[in-house]
C-alpha atoms as a PDB file:
ATOM      1  CA  MET A   1      -3.982   9.738 -20.152  1.00  0.00           C
ATOM      2  CA  ASN A   2      -4.172   6.133 -19.735  1.00  0.00           C
ATOM      3  CA  SER A   3      -8.052   5.550 -20.558  1.00  0.00           C
ATOM      4  CA  TYR A   4      -8.201   3.041 -17.747  1.00  0.00           C
ATOM      5  CA  ILE A   5      -8.068   5.261 -15.245  1.00  0.00           C
ATOM      6  CA  GLU A   6     -10.535   8.144 -16.501  1.00  0.00           C
ATOM      7  CA  THR A   7     -12.673   4.547 -17.461  1.00  0.00           C
ATOM      8  CA  ALA A   8     -12.537   3.493 -14.016  1.00  0.00           C
ATOM      9  CA  ILE A   9     -13.433   7.011 -12.658  1.00  0.00           C
ATOM     10  CA  ASN A  10     -15.882   7.556 -14.510  1.00  0.00           C
ATOM     11  CA  LEU A  11     -17.529   4.054 -13.362  1.00  0.00           C
ATOM     12  CA  GLY A  12     -17.082   4.926  -9.831  1.00  0.00           C
ATOM     13  CA  VAL A  13     -13.641   4.333  -8.714  1.00  0.00           C
ATOM     14  CA  ASP A  14     -13.039   7.566  -6.506  1.00  0.00           C
ATOM     15  CA  MET A  15      -9.354   7.047  -5.202  1.00  0.00           C
ATOM     16  CA  ILE A  16      -6.505   5.812  -7.105  1.00  0.00           C
ATOM     17  CA  SER A  17      -3.668   4.318  -5.170  1.00  0.00           C
ATOM     18  CA  PHE A  18       0.049   3.939  -6.607  1.00  0.00           C
ATOM     19  CA  ASP A  19       2.880   1.742  -5.118  1.00  0.00           C
ATOM     20  CA  PHE A  20       5.543   4.967  -4.448  1.00  0.00           C
ATOM     21  CA  ARG A  21       8.172   3.138  -2.465  1.00  0.00           C
ATOM     22  CA  ILE A  22      11.525   4.887  -2.293  1.00  0.00           C
ATOM     23  CA  SER A  23      15.097   3.476  -2.353  1.00  0.00           C
ATOM     24  CA  TYR A  24      17.663   5.171  -0.457  1.00  0.00           C
ATOM     25  CA  ASN A  25      19.674   5.007  -3.763  1.00  0.00           C
ATOM     26  CA  SER A  26      17.155   5.591  -6.617  1.00  0.00           C
ATOM     27  CA  TRP A  27      16.841   9.363  -7.018  1.00  0.00           C
ATOM     28  CA  THR A  28      16.015   8.713 -10.784  1.00  0.00           C
ATOM     29  CA  ASN A  29      13.404   6.003 -10.089  1.00  0.00           C
ATOM     30  CA  TYR A  30      11.807   8.935  -7.816  1.00  0.00           C
ATOM     31  CA  GLU A  31      11.994  11.642 -10.262  1.00  0.00           C
ATOM     32  CA  ALA A  32      10.375   9.159 -13.013  1.00  0.00           C
ATOM     33  CA  ARG A  33       7.567   8.501 -10.283  1.00  0.00           C
ATOM     34  CA  VAL A  34       6.698  11.994  -9.157  1.00  0.00           C
ATOM     35  CA  LYS A  35       6.858  13.019 -13.362  1.00  0.00           C
ATOM     36  CA  SER A  36       4.292  10.446 -13.822  1.00  0.00           C
ATOM     37  CA  LEU A  37       2.056  11.226 -10.936  1.00  0.00           C
ATOM     38  CA  LEU A  38       2.002  14.888 -12.370  1.00  0.00           C
ATOM     39  CA  GLY A  39       1.435  13.677 -15.510  1.00  0.00           C
ATOM     40  CA  ILE A  40      -1.522  11.651 -14.461  1.00  0.00           C
ATOM     41  CA  TYR A  41      -2.944  14.585 -12.454  1.00  0.00           C
ATOM     42  CA  ASP A  42      -2.910  16.894 -15.399  1.00  0.00           C
ATOM     43  CA  ASN A  43      -4.613  14.684 -17.677  1.00  0.00           C
ATOM     44  CA  LEU A  44      -7.480  14.348 -14.987  1.00  0.00           C
ATOM     45  CA  VAL A  45      -7.748  18.053 -15.168  1.00  0.00           C
ATOM     46  CA  ILE A  46      -7.619  17.686 -18.905  1.00  0.00           C
ATOM     47  CA  ALA A  47     -10.016  15.261 -18.553  1.00  0.00           C
ATOM     48  CA  VAL A  48     -12.563  16.885 -16.406  1.00  0.00           C
ATOM     49  CA  ASN A  49     -12.157  20.689 -18.479  1.00  0.00           C
ATOM     50  CA  SER A  50     -13.172  18.701 -21.684  1.00  0.00           C
ATOM     51  CA  GLY A  51     -16.164  17.042 -20.390  1.00  0.00           C
ATOM     52  CA  ARG A  52     -14.794  13.611 -20.201  1.00  0.00           C
ATOM     53  CA  ILE A  53     -15.271  13.158 -16.560  1.00  0.00           C
ATOM     54  CA  SER A  54     -17.836  15.274 -15.354  1.00  0.00           C
ATOM     55  CA  MET A  55     -17.426  17.378 -12.720  1.00  0.00           C
ATOM     56  CA  ASP A  56     -20.277  16.083 -10.674  1.00  0.00           C
ATOM     57  CA  ARG A  57     -18.339  12.713 -10.671  1.00  0.00           C
ATOM     58  CA  ILE A  58     -15.365  14.850  -9.062  1.00  0.00           C
ATOM     59  CA  LYS A  59     -17.671  15.867  -6.409  1.00  0.00           C
ATOM     60  CA  GLU A  60     -19.570  12.828  -6.321  1.00  0.00           C
ATOM     61  CA  ALA A  61     -15.788  11.368  -5.230  1.00  0.00           C
ATOM     62  CA  VAL A  62     -15.141  14.219  -2.734  1.00  0.00           C
ATOM     63  CA  THR A  63     -17.962  13.822  -0.437  1.00  0.00           C
ATOM     64  CA  ARG A  64     -17.835   9.836  -0.156  1.00  0.00           C
ATOM     65  CA  ILE A  65     -14.367  10.361   0.556  1.00  0.00           C
ATOM     66  CA  LEU A  66     -14.935  12.629   2.833  1.00  0.00           C
ATOM     67  CA  LEU A  67     -17.692  11.023   4.653  1.00  0.00           C
ATOM     68  CA  VAL A  68     -15.772   7.771   4.834  1.00  0.00           C
ATOM     69  CA  LYS A  69     -13.161  10.212   6.836  1.00  0.00           C
ATOM     70  CA  LEU A  70     -15.606  11.555   8.949  1.00  0.00           C
ATOM     71  CA  ARG A  71     -17.146   8.569  10.349  1.00  0.00           C
ATOM     72  CA  ASN A  72     -13.848   7.035  11.197  1.00  0.00           C
ATOM     73  CA  ASN A  73     -12.889  10.137  13.112  1.00  0.00           C
ATOM     74  CA  ILE A  74     -10.113  10.955  10.540  1.00  0.00           C
ATOM     75  CA  LEU A  75     -11.587  14.127   9.856  1.00  0.00           C
ATOM     76  CA  LYS A  76     -12.915  16.481  12.712  1.00  0.00           C
ATOM     77  CA  ASP A  77     -16.381  17.824  11.811  1.00  0.00           C
ATOM     78  CA  LYS A  78     -15.148  21.878  12.308  1.00  0.00           C
ATOM     79  CA  GLU A  79     -12.470  20.623   9.751  1.00  0.00           C
ATOM     80  CA  VAL A  80     -15.370  20.552   6.750  1.00  0.00           C
ATOM     81  CA  LYS A  81     -16.706  23.638   4.749  1.00  0.00           C
ATOM     82  CA  SER A  82     -20.213  23.163   3.577  1.00  0.00           C
END
């Protein structure tokens, strides 16, 4: 994984966004971007499994993201499981 993503997550970044614009004539570009995103996901899983990113850090990020969604009525209370 790119170490800057791992470092960012460990420093408190909860979400990572990527430019994923798709042009009509660019399926090769689309496939490359999907492959890149899947690679980042796979490497994040490896980083968590190896302990380089703690599961507590992941839980903290998910909790904050869900709380923001709840406060902004993006997620309804009944959709959140305890």
